[in-house]
Structures are given as C-alpha cells and as structure tokens.
Protein backbone atom coordinates (compact mmCIF):
# COMPACT_ATOMS: atom_id res chain seq x y z
CA MET A 1 0.05 -0.01 0.08
CA GLY A 2 1.59 3.44 -1.04
CA SER A 3 1.48 6.58 0.71
CA PRO A 4 -1.85 8.45 1.43
CA ARG A 5 -2.91 10.60 -1.35
CA ASN A 6 -2.92 14.27 -0.72
CA GLU A 7 -6.21 15.76 -1.58
CA GLY A 8 -5.13 19.35 -0.80
CA GLU A 9 -7.69 21.94 0.07
CA GLY A 10 -11.24 20.47 0.30
CA ASN A 11 -9.90 17.10 1.56
CA LYS A 12 -13.00 14.85 0.94
CA SER A 13 -11.62 12.04 3.19
CA ALA A 14 -10.90 14.28 6.05
CA ASP A 15 -14.40 15.90 5.74
CA ARG A 16 -16.04 12.45 5.54
CA ASN A 17 -14.21 11.29 8.64
CA TYR A 18 -14.92 14.47 10.51
CA ARG A 19 -18.66 14.18 9.69
CA LYS A 20 -18.94 10.54 10.72
CA ALA A 21 -17.15 11.19 14.02
CA THR A 22 -19.23 14.29 14.85
CA LYS A 23 -22.41 12.31 14.09
CA GLU A 24 -21.20 9.47 16.29
CA PHE A 25 -20.50 11.81 19.21
CA VAL A 26 -23.56 13.60 18.88
CA GLU A 27 -25.67 10.37 18.92
CA SER A 28 -23.58 8.87 21.85
CA GLU A 29 -24.82 9.21 25.57
CA ARG A 30 -21.97 11.44 26.38
CA GLY A 31 -22.71 13.76 23.49
CA GLN A 32 -26.46 14.02 24.38
CA GLN A 33 -25.38 14.89 27.94
CA GLU A 34 -23.09 17.62 26.56
CA ILE A 35 -25.87 19.02 24.47
CA ALA A 36 -28.50 19.02 27.36
CA ASN A 37 -25.83 21.05 29.46
CA ALA A 38 -24.77 23.50 26.80
CA GLY A 39 -24.87 27.04 28.08
CA ASN A 40 -24.99 26.08 31.53
CA VAL A 41 -22.44 27.85 33.31
CA SER A 42 -21.32 28.49 37.07
CA PRO A 43 -21.32 32.01 38.14
CA SER A 44 -17.63 32.09 38.06
CA GLU A 45 -17.62 31.08 34.41
CA GLU A 46 -20.17 33.74 33.77
CA GLN A 47 -18.05 36.24 35.16
CA ASP A 48 -15.13 35.10 33.02
CA ILE A 49 -16.98 35.29 29.88
CA ARG A 50 -18.32 38.73 30.86
CA ARG A 51 -14.69 40.00 31.44
CA ALA A 52 -13.59 38.49 28.18
CA GLU A 53 -16.58 40.17 26.32
CA GLU A 54 -15.66 43.54 27.75
CA GLN A 55 -11.87 43.00 26.89
CA ALA A 56 -12.47 42.29 23.39
CA LYS A 57 -14.77 45.15 23.11
CA GLN A 58 -12.00 47.50 24.50
CA ARG A 59 -9.54 46.17 21.96
CA ALA A 60 -11.99 46.93 19.07
CA LYS A 61 -12.57 50.36 20.29
CA ASP A 62 -8.83 51.00 20.52
CA HIS A 63 -8.29 49.70 17.05
CA ASP A 64 -7.69 52.34 14.42
CA PRO A 65 -10.49 52.43 12.01
CA ALA A 66 -8.14 53.88 9.33
CA GLU A 67 -6.04 50.97 9.28
CA MET A 68 -9.01 48.63 8.92
CA SER A 69 -10.22 50.50 6.03
CA ASN A 70 -6.79 49.91 4.33
CA HIS A 71 -7.35 46.04 4.35
CA SER A 72 -10.78 46.21 2.81
CA ASP A 73 -10.16 48.01 -0.43
CA ALA A 74 -8.17 46.45 -3.32
CA THR A 75 -5.71 49.31 -3.94
CA THR A 76 -3.08 51.17 -1.83
CA ARG A 77 -3.17 55.04 -1.53
CA GLU A 78 -1.04 55.40 -4.55
CA GLY A 79 -3.92 53.60 -6.46
CA THR A 80 -1.72 50.61 -7.35
CA SER A 81 -3.10 47.15 -7.32
CA ARG A 82 -2.22 44.94 -4.24
CA GLU A 83 -2.42 41.64 -6.16
CA GLY A 84 0.78 40.15 -6.85
CA SER A 85 2.70 42.91 -5.18
CA SER A 86 5.40 41.83 -2.68
CA ARG A 87 5.55 45.38 -1.07
CA ASN A 88 4.23 45.96 2.48
CA SER A 89 0.50 46.84 2.30
CA ARG A 90 0.65 49.27 5.31
CA PRO A 91 1.13 52.83 4.26
CA ALA A 92 4.51 54.29 5.51
CA HIS A 93 4.27 57.16 8.04
C-alpha cells in the first residue's frame, strides 16, 4: 500500500471522517449529555465570560479604523493594485 494521497484543500476524506465522528459523538450518551448541559455555566464562569467580552470590546474600540479600511479596499493609497505585489500593504508614516 502506497502513501496516502494528498487531496489538498477541500480534502474529502478528512471531511467524511470528521462528519462521521461528529455524528457518532452527537448520537452517543456523552454527546447527548453535553448537548443537554450546553449553556449552563457557573457564576464564576459567567463572570469570566463577561470579562472576556469587555476586553474584546475595548480592543475593538482601541483599534484604528483607518487601518481597517486599508485592508478592505483592493488598492493602496497610490492607486496601484495589491494583487501580486510583494510590497508591504501598510502605508509608510
């Protein structure tokens, strides 16, 4: 038997194996217990979740909106295409 075939992106064998294992877990007794308890958190876990949400919101607020807009358009400030360019996409300051 030879080496396994590299299916690259969109690996159908890996997808099939993942879906089979997931289905088996969901249908298992343990999976059903996990599903029934989903969302049940202790008060300390609830506090940790709220703290993490606040930290994420603060980081989002602190992020420079101009920097985000540079990543969304297809051209740099000079009007040249970014595709195929090896130049740094961030503008020099």
